[in-house]
Amino acid sequence: MITLRLYTMESWQIDTFTPSELPVSPRGNKPNAEKLVDKKMREIQEHVEKGRTIEGEYLTYLLANTKMTPVDVYGSLCELLLAAVDTTSNTTSWILYNLAQDPSTQQQLYEEVSNVCPGDQIPEAKDFANMPLLKAVAKETLR
């Protein structure tokens, strides 16, 4: 079974989804998004009924603090995911292009990342503080 790890920006928590649970299925169907939104709506309602505070990220905000209909929320999530994929892949492509133009920087970056995350270790948020060249390469690409 394939799982995907999605990191949230505020807490860096990991949510793991199988491909069938992704908000947008490979064929662009909306039911998977509806299932996730409906699940989150139930969780928020349970928190409200128990008097707990509601904390979360973008989806929680949309569901708890706006007057959006569920259809609007589904659309907003799909747009957000598609925009994130597009901008991330575009930026990554330019970073790789720039590194291909400068093999010595590419080698230095490889060594930096390999030292901080040896082997198949997946980097954590705290690891990026120890990779200043990675940050510099990304910033230079975005400049």
N, C-alpha and C. Protein backbone atom coordinates (compact mmCIF):
# COMPACT_ATOMS: atom_id res chain seq x y z
N MET A 1 0.83 -1.17 0.00
CA MET A 1 0.00 0.00 0.00
C MET A 1 0.89 1.24 0.00
N ILE A 2 0.56 2.19 -0.82
CA ILE A 2 1.29 3.45 -0.90
C ILE A 2 0.66 4.44 0.06
N THR A 3 1.48 5.14 0.82
CA THR A 3 0.96 6.22 1.66
C THR A 3 1.72 7.49 1.36
N LEU A 4 1.07 8.59 1.55
CA LEU A 4 1.69 9.89 1.33
C LEU A 4 1.73 10.62 2.66
N ARG A 5 2.78 11.35 2.90
CA ARG A 5 2.89 12.13 4.13
C ARG A 5 2.66 13.59 3.78
N LEU A 6 1.69 14.18 4.41
CA LEU A 6 1.40 15.58 4.22
C LEU A 6 1.76 16.32 5.49
N TYR A 7 2.60 17.32 5.38
CA TYR A 7 3.03 18.10 6.53
C TYR A 7 2.24 19.39 6.60
N THR A 8 1.77 19.74 7.78
CA THR A 8 1.08 21.00 7.94
C THR A 8 2.10 22.04 8.38
N MET A 9 1.96 23.24 7.87
CA MET A 9 2.95 24.28 8.11
C MET A 9 3.01 24.72 9.57
N GLU A 10 1.86 24.84 10.25
CA GLU A 10 1.86 25.39 11.59
C GLU A 10 2.46 24.45 12.62
N SER A 11 2.16 23.19 12.54
CA SER A 11 2.60 22.28 13.60
C SER A 11 3.61 21.24 13.11
N TRP A 12 3.80 21.14 11.82
CA TRP A 12 4.65 20.12 11.22
C TRP A 12 4.21 18.72 11.63
N GLN A 13 2.91 18.57 11.86
CA GLN A 13 2.39 17.23 12.11
C GLN A 13 2.29 16.50 10.79
N ILE A 14 2.34 15.20 10.87
CA ILE A 14 2.26 14.40 9.66
C ILE A 14 0.89 13.72 9.62
N ASP A 15 0.19 13.91 8.52
CA ASP A 15 -1.04 13.17 8.28
C ASP A 15 -0.73 12.20 7.15
N THR A 16 -1.07 10.95 7.32
CA THR A 16 -0.79 9.96 6.30
C THR A 16 -2.08 9.55 5.62
N PHE A 17 -2.08 9.59 4.31
CA PHE A 17 -3.25 9.23 3.52
C PHE A 17 -2.86 8.18 2.50
N THR A 18 -3.78 7.27 2.23
CA THR A 18 -3.59 6.40 1.09
C THR A 18 -4.08 7.15 -0.13
N PRO A 19 -3.67 6.79 -1.34
CA PRO A 19 -4.10 7.53 -2.52
C PRO A 19 -5.62 7.65 -2.65
N SER A 20 -6.37 6.65 -2.21
CA SER A 20 -7.83 6.73 -2.33
C SER A 20 -8.43 7.76 -1.39
N GLU A 21 -7.66 8.21 -0.38
CA GLU A 21 -8.16 9.20 0.56
C GLU A 21 -7.73 10.62 0.19
N LEU A 22 -6.92 10.77 -0.85
CA LEU A 22 -6.45 12.11 -1.20
C LEU A 22 -7.61 13.01 -1.56
N PRO A 23 -7.48 14.30 -1.26
CA PRO A 23 -8.55 15.24 -1.59
C PRO A 23 -8.91 15.28 -3.07
N VAL A 24 -7.96 15.04 -3.94
CA VAL A 24 -8.25 14.99 -5.36
C VAL A 24 -7.74 13.65 -5.87
N SER A 25 -8.61 12.86 -6.43
CA SER A 25 -8.17 11.56 -6.93
C SER A 25 -7.42 11.75 -8.24
N PRO A 26 -6.66 10.75 -8.67
CA PRO A 26 -5.91 10.90 -9.93
C PRO A 26 -6.80 11.22 -11.12
N ARG A 27 -8.06 10.86 -11.08
CA ARG A 27 -8.97 11.15 -12.18
C ARG A 27 -9.71 12.47 -11.97
N GLY A 28 -9.39 13.20 -10.91
CA GLY A 28 -10.01 14.49 -10.68
C GLY A 28 -11.39 14.42 -10.05
N ASN A 29 -11.78 13.26 -9.56
CA ASN A 29 -13.09 13.12 -8.93
C ASN A 29 -13.13 13.87 -7.61
N LYS A 30 -14.29 14.36 -7.24
CA LYS A 30 -14.41 15.13 -6.03
C LYS A 30 -14.80 14.32 -4.80
N PRO A 31 -15.33 13.12 -4.91
CA PRO A 31 -15.80 12.42 -3.70
C PRO A 31 -14.76 12.27 -2.60
N ASN A 32 -13.48 12.09 -2.94
CA ASN A 32 -12.46 11.93 -1.90
C ASN A 32 -12.31 13.21 -1.08
N ALA A 33 -12.39 14.35 -1.73
CA ALA A 33 -12.33 15.62 -1.02
C ALA A 33 -13.53 15.74 -0.09
N GLU A 34 -14.68 15.36 -0.59
CA GLU A 34 -15.88 15.44 0.23
C GLU A 34 -15.77 14.56 1.48
N LYS A 35 -15.21 13.37 1.31
CA LYS A 35 -15.05 12.47 2.46
C LYS A 35 -14.15 13.09 3.53
N LEU A 36 -13.02 13.67 3.09
CA LEU A 36 -12.10 14.28 4.05
C LEU A 36 -12.72 15.49 4.73
N VAL A 37 -13.40 16.33 3.96
CA VAL A 37 -14.05 17.51 4.54
C VAL A 37 -15.15 17.09 5.51
N ASP A 38 -15.95 16.11 5.10
CA ASP A 38 -17.02 15.64 5.98
C ASP A 38 -16.46 15.05 7.27
N LYS A 39 -15.37 14.31 7.16
CA LYS A 39 -14.73 13.74 8.34
C LYS A 39 -14.26 14.85 9.28
N LYS A 40 -13.62 15.86 8.70
CA LYS A 40 -13.13 16.97 9.51
C LYS A 40 -14.29 17.74 10.14
N MET A 41 -15.39 17.91 9.41
CA MET A 41 -16.56 18.60 9.95
C MET A 41 -17.11 17.85 11.17
N ARG A 42 -17.13 16.52 11.08
CA ARG A 42 -17.59 15.72 12.22
C ARG A 42 -16.67 15.89 13.42
N GLU A 43 -15.36 15.89 13.17
CA GLU A 43 -14.39 16.07 14.26
C GLU A 43 -14.56 17.44 14.92
N ILE A 44 -14.74 18.47 14.12
CA ILE A 44 -14.93 19.82 14.67
C ILE A 44 -16.21 19.88 15.49
N GLN A 45 -17.27 19.28 14.98
CA GLN A 45 -18.55 19.27 15.70
C GLN A 45 -18.41 18.55 17.04
N GLU A 46 -17.66 17.44 17.07
CA GLU A 46 -17.43 16.72 18.32
C GLU A 46 -16.69 17.60 19.32
N HIS A 47 -15.69 18.34 18.84
CA HIS A 47 -14.95 19.25 19.73
C HIS A 47 -15.86 20.33 20.30
N VAL A 48 -16.71 20.89 19.46
CA VAL A 48 -17.64 21.93 19.90
C VAL A 48 -18.59 21.38 20.96
N GLU A 49 -19.13 20.18 20.71
CA GLU A 49 -20.07 19.57 21.65
C GLU A 49 -19.42 19.25 22.99
N LYS A 50 -18.13 18.96 22.99
CA LYS A 50 -17.42 18.64 24.23
C LYS A 50 -16.79 19.87 24.88
N GLY A 51 -16.99 21.04 24.26
CA GLY A 51 -16.48 22.28 24.82
C GLY A 51 -14.98 22.48 24.65
N ARG A 52 -14.38 21.76 23.74
CA ARG A 52 -12.95 21.89 23.49
C ARG A 52 -12.68 23.03 22.52
N THR A 53 -11.47 23.57 22.60
CA THR A 53 -11.10 24.59 21.63
C THR A 53 -10.80 23.91 20.30
N ILE A 54 -11.03 24.66 19.25
CA ILE A 54 -10.80 24.12 17.90
C ILE A 54 -9.50 24.70 17.38
N GLU A 55 -8.55 23.82 17.15
CA GLU A 55 -7.26 24.24 16.60
C GLU A 55 -7.02 23.48 15.32
N GLY A 56 -6.30 24.09 14.43
CA GLY A 56 -5.99 23.40 13.19
C GLY A 56 -5.41 24.34 12.17
N GLU A 57 -5.46 23.91 10.95
CA GLU A 57 -4.87 24.67 9.88
C GLU A 57 -5.96 25.20 8.95
N TYR A 58 -5.68 25.25 7.70
CA TYR A 58 -6.53 25.88 6.70
C TYR A 58 -7.94 25.30 6.67
N LEU A 59 -8.07 23.99 6.60
CA LEU A 59 -9.39 23.38 6.53
C LEU A 59 -10.21 23.67 7.77
N THR A 60 -9.60 23.57 8.93
CA THR A 60 -10.31 23.87 10.17
C THR A 60 -10.79 25.31 10.16
N TYR A 61 -9.95 26.22 9.71
CA TYR A 61 -10.35 27.62 9.63
C TYR A 61 -11.55 27.79 8.70
N LEU A 62 -11.48 27.19 7.53
CA LEU A 62 -12.58 27.33 6.58
C LEU A 62 -13.89 26.81 7.14
N LEU A 63 -13.81 25.69 7.83
CA LEU A 63 -15.03 25.07 8.34
C LEU A 63 -15.58 25.76 9.57
N ALA A 64 -14.70 26.29 10.41
CA ALA A 64 -15.15 26.83 11.69
C ALA A 64 -15.36 28.34 11.69
N ASN A 65 -14.66 29.07 10.83
CA ASN A 65 -14.66 30.53 10.94
C ASN A 65 -15.18 31.27 9.72
N THR A 66 -15.71 30.60 8.74
CA THR A 66 -16.21 31.29 7.56
C THR A 66 -17.63 30.87 7.28
N LYS A 67 -18.26 31.57 6.40
CA LYS A 67 -19.64 31.27 6.00
C LYS A 67 -19.67 30.49 4.69
N MET A 68 -18.60 29.77 4.41
CA MET A 68 -18.53 29.02 3.16
C MET A 68 -19.41 27.79 3.23
N THR A 69 -20.02 27.47 2.11
CA THR A 69 -20.80 26.24 2.02
C THR A 69 -19.82 25.08 1.83
N PRO A 70 -20.26 23.85 2.11
CA PRO A 70 -19.37 22.71 1.87
C PRO A 70 -18.85 22.65 0.43
N VAL A 71 -19.68 23.00 -0.53
CA VAL A 71 -19.25 22.98 -1.93
C VAL A 71 -18.11 23.98 -2.14
N ASP A 72 -18.23 25.17 -1.52
CA ASP A 72 -17.16 26.17 -1.62
C ASP A 72 -15.88 25.66 -0.98
N VAL A 73 -16.01 24.97 0.15
CA VAL A 73 -14.84 24.44 0.84
C VAL A 73 -14.16 23.38 -0.02
N TYR A 74 -14.95 22.47 -0.62
CA TYR A 74 -14.38 21.45 -1.50
C TYR A 74 -13.59 22.10 -2.63
N GLY A 75 -14.18 23.11 -3.25
CA GLY A 75 -13.51 23.81 -4.35
C GLY A 75 -12.25 24.51 -3.91
N SER A 76 -12.30 25.15 -2.75
CA SER A 76 -11.14 25.87 -2.23
C SER A 76 -9.98 24.92 -1.97
N LEU A 77 -10.28 23.77 -1.39
CA LEU A 77 -9.23 22.79 -1.12
C LEU A 77 -8.60 22.26 -2.40
N CYS A 78 -9.41 21.96 -3.37
CA CYS A 78 -8.89 21.46 -4.65
C CYS A 78 -8.00 22.51 -5.31
N GLU A 79 -8.45 23.77 -5.30
CA GLU A 79 -7.64 24.85 -5.87
C GLU A 79 -6.33 25.01 -5.12
N LEU A 80 -6.39 24.94 -3.80
CA LEU A 80 -5.19 25.08 -2.98
C LEU A 80 -4.18 23.98 -3.30
N LEU A 81 -4.65 22.74 -3.37
CA LEU A 81 -3.75 21.62 -3.65
C LEU A 81 -3.16 21.72 -5.05
N LEU A 82 -3.98 22.07 -6.02
CA LEU A 82 -3.47 22.19 -7.38
C LEU A 82 -2.46 23.32 -7.50
N ALA A 83 -2.73 24.43 -6.85
CA ALA A 83 -1.79 25.56 -6.88
C ALA A 83 -0.47 25.18 -6.20
N ALA A 84 -0.56 24.47 -5.08
CA ALA A 84 0.65 24.07 -4.36
C ALA A 84 1.49 23.12 -5.20
N VAL A 85 0.85 22.19 -5.87
CA VAL A 85 1.59 21.25 -6.71
C VAL A 85 2.27 21.99 -7.85
N ASP A 86 1.56 22.91 -8.47
CA ASP A 86 2.10 23.64 -9.62
C ASP A 86 3.29 24.50 -9.21
N THR A 87 3.15 25.28 -8.16
CA THR A 87 4.24 26.17 -7.77
C THR A 87 5.44 25.40 -7.23
N THR A 88 5.18 24.34 -6.49
CA THR A 88 6.28 23.53 -5.95
C THR A 88 7.05 22.86 -7.07
N SER A 89 6.36 22.28 -8.03
CA SER A 89 7.06 21.60 -9.12
C SER A 89 7.81 22.59 -9.99
N ASN A 90 7.24 23.77 -10.20
CA ASN A 90 7.92 24.79 -10.99
C ASN A 90 9.20 25.26 -10.29
N THR A 91 9.10 25.55 -9.01
CA THR A 91 10.27 25.99 -8.25
C THR A 91 11.33 24.90 -8.21
N THR A 92 10.92 23.67 -7.98
CA THR A 92 11.87 22.55 -7.94
C THR A 92 12.58 22.39 -9.28
N SER A 93 11.84 22.55 -10.37
CA SER A 93 12.46 22.45 -11.70
C SER A 93 13.53 23.51 -11.90
N TRP A 94 13.25 24.74 -11.47
CA TRP A 94 14.24 25.81 -11.61
C TRP A 94 15.45 25.58 -10.69
N ILE A 95 15.21 25.08 -9.50
CA ILE A 95 16.33 24.76 -8.60
C ILE A 95 17.24 23.72 -9.25
N LEU A 96 16.65 22.67 -9.80
CA LEU A 96 17.44 21.62 -10.45
C LEU A 96 18.18 22.16 -11.67
N TYR A 97 17.53 23.02 -12.43
CA TYR A 97 18.18 23.62 -13.59
C TYR A 97 19.40 24.44 -13.15
N ASN A 98 19.20 25.28 -12.14
CA ASN A 98 20.30 26.12 -11.65
C ASN A 98 21.45 25.28 -11.11
N LEU A 99 21.12 24.21 -10.40
CA LEU A 99 22.18 23.33 -9.88
C LEU A 99 22.92 22.63 -11.01
N ALA A 100 22.21 22.28 -12.08
CA ALA A 100 22.86 21.64 -13.23
C ALA A 100 23.84 22.59 -13.90
N GLN A 101 23.59 23.89 -13.78
CA GLN A 101 24.48 24.89 -14.38
C GLN A 101 25.74 25.11 -13.53
N ASP A 102 25.72 24.65 -12.29
CA ASP A 102 26.84 24.89 -11.37
C ASP A 102 27.16 23.59 -10.61
N PRO A 103 27.91 22.68 -11.23
CA PRO A 103 28.19 21.38 -10.62
C PRO A 103 28.87 21.45 -9.25
N SER A 104 29.70 22.47 -9.01
CA SER A 104 30.36 22.53 -7.70
C SER A 104 29.36 22.85 -6.59
N THR A 105 28.43 23.75 -6.86
CA THR A 105 27.38 24.04 -5.88
C THR A 105 26.49 22.82 -5.69
N GLN A 106 26.21 22.13 -6.78
CA GLN A 106 25.40 20.92 -6.69
C GLN A 106 26.08 19.89 -5.78
N GLN A 107 27.39 19.72 -5.92
CA GLN A 107 28.12 18.78 -5.09
C GLN A 107 28.14 19.22 -3.63
N GLN A 108 28.35 20.52 -3.39
CA GLN A 108 28.34 21.04 -2.02
C GLN A 108 26.98 20.82 -1.36
N LEU A 109 25.92 21.05 -2.12
CA LEU A 109 24.58 20.86 -1.58
C LEU A 109 24.32 19.39 -1.28
N TYR A 110 24.75 18.53 -2.18
CA TYR A 110 24.62 17.09 -1.96
C TYR A 110 25.30 16.67 -0.67
N GLU A 111 26.50 17.15 -0.46
CA GLU A 111 27.25 16.80 0.75
C GLU A 111 26.57 17.36 2.01
N GLU A 112 26.05 18.59 1.92
CA GLU A 112 25.37 19.18 3.07
C GLU A 112 24.13 18.37 3.46
N VAL A 113 23.31 18.06 2.48
CA VAL A 113 22.09 17.29 2.75
C VAL A 113 22.43 15.89 3.23
N SER A 114 23.44 15.26 2.62
CA SER A 114 23.84 13.91 3.03
C SER A 114 24.37 13.87 4.46
N ASN A 115 25.06 14.93 4.88
CA ASN A 115 25.57 14.99 6.25
C ASN A 115 24.45 15.18 7.26
N VAL A 116 23.47 15.99 6.92
CA VAL A 116 22.36 16.26 7.85
C VAL A 116 21.37 15.10 7.87
N CYS A 117 21.13 14.51 6.72
CA CYS A 117 20.16 13.40 6.59
C CYS A 117 20.82 12.22 5.91
N PRO A 118 21.63 11.45 6.64
CA PRO A 118 22.34 10.33 6.00
C PRO A 118 21.39 9.21 5.58
N GLY A 119 21.80 8.52 4.54
CA GLY A 119 21.03 7.37 4.06
C GLY A 119 19.65 7.77 3.56
N ASP A 120 18.66 7.00 3.98
CA ASP A 120 17.28 7.25 3.55
C ASP A 120 16.49 8.06 4.57
N GLN A 121 17.18 8.71 5.48
CA GLN A 121 16.50 9.49 6.51
C GLN A 121 15.70 10.62 5.86
N ILE A 122 14.45 10.76 6.27
CA ILE A 122 13.59 11.83 5.77
C ILE A 122 13.84 13.05 6.64
N PRO A 123 14.13 14.19 6.02
CA PRO A 123 14.41 15.38 6.84
C PRO A 123 13.19 15.83 7.62
N GLU A 124 13.44 16.33 8.81
CA GLU A 124 12.39 16.91 9.65
C GLU A 124 12.57 18.42 9.63
N ALA A 125 11.60 19.14 10.14
CA ALA A 125 11.64 20.60 10.12
C ALA A 125 12.92 21.13 10.77
N LYS A 126 13.32 20.52 11.86
CA LYS A 126 14.52 20.99 12.58
C LYS A 126 15.80 20.80 11.76
N ASP A 127 15.79 19.87 10.83
CA ASP A 127 16.98 19.60 10.01
C ASP A 127 17.31 20.75 9.06
N PHE A 128 16.29 21.47 8.63
CA PHE A 128 16.52 22.53 7.65
C PHE A 128 17.36 23.68 8.21
N ALA A 129 17.34 23.84 9.52
CA ALA A 129 18.18 24.87 10.15
C ALA A 129 19.65 24.54 9.98
N ASN A 130 19.97 23.28 9.76
CA ASN A 130 21.35 22.85 9.59
C ASN A 130 21.77 22.74 8.12
N MET A 131 20.95 23.28 7.23
CA MET A 131 21.26 23.24 5.80
C MET A 131 21.19 24.65 5.20
N PRO A 132 22.15 25.51 5.56
CA PRO A 132 22.10 26.88 5.06
C PRO A 132 22.27 26.99 3.55
N LEU A 133 23.04 26.10 2.95
CA LEU A 133 23.22 26.16 1.50
C LEU A 133 21.91 25.84 0.79
N LEU A 134 21.15 24.89 1.30
CA LEU A 134 19.85 24.56 0.71
C LEU A 134 18.95 25.78 0.70
N LYS A 135 18.92 26.47 1.82
CA LYS A 135 18.12 27.69 1.93
C LYS A 135 18.61 28.75 0.94
N ALA A 136 19.92 28.90 0.84
CA ALA A 136 20.49 29.89 -0.07
C ALA A 136 20.17 29.57 -1.53
N VAL A 137 20.25 28.29 -1.88
CA VAL A 137 19.95 27.87 -3.26
C VAL A 137 18.48 28.16 -3.58
N ALA A 138 17.60 27.82 -2.66
CA ALA A 138 16.17 28.08 -2.89
C ALA A 138 15.90 29.58 -3.00
N LYS A 139 16.49 30.37 -2.12
CA LYS A 139 16.28 31.82 -2.17
C LYS A 139 16.85 32.42 -3.45
N GLU A 140 18.01 31.96 -3.86
CA GLU A 140 18.61 32.48 -5.10
C GLU A 140 17.74 32.13 -6.30
N THR A 141 17.18 30.94 -6.31
CA THR A 141 16.29 30.54 -7.40
C THR A 141 15.04 31.42 -7.43
N LEU A 142 14.49 31.71 -6.27
CA LEU A 142 13.27 32.53 -6.21
C LEU A 142 13.55 34.01 -6.48
N ARG A 143 14.81 34.42 -6.33
CA ARG A 143 15.16 35.82 -6.57
C ARG A 143 15.02 36.09 -8.03
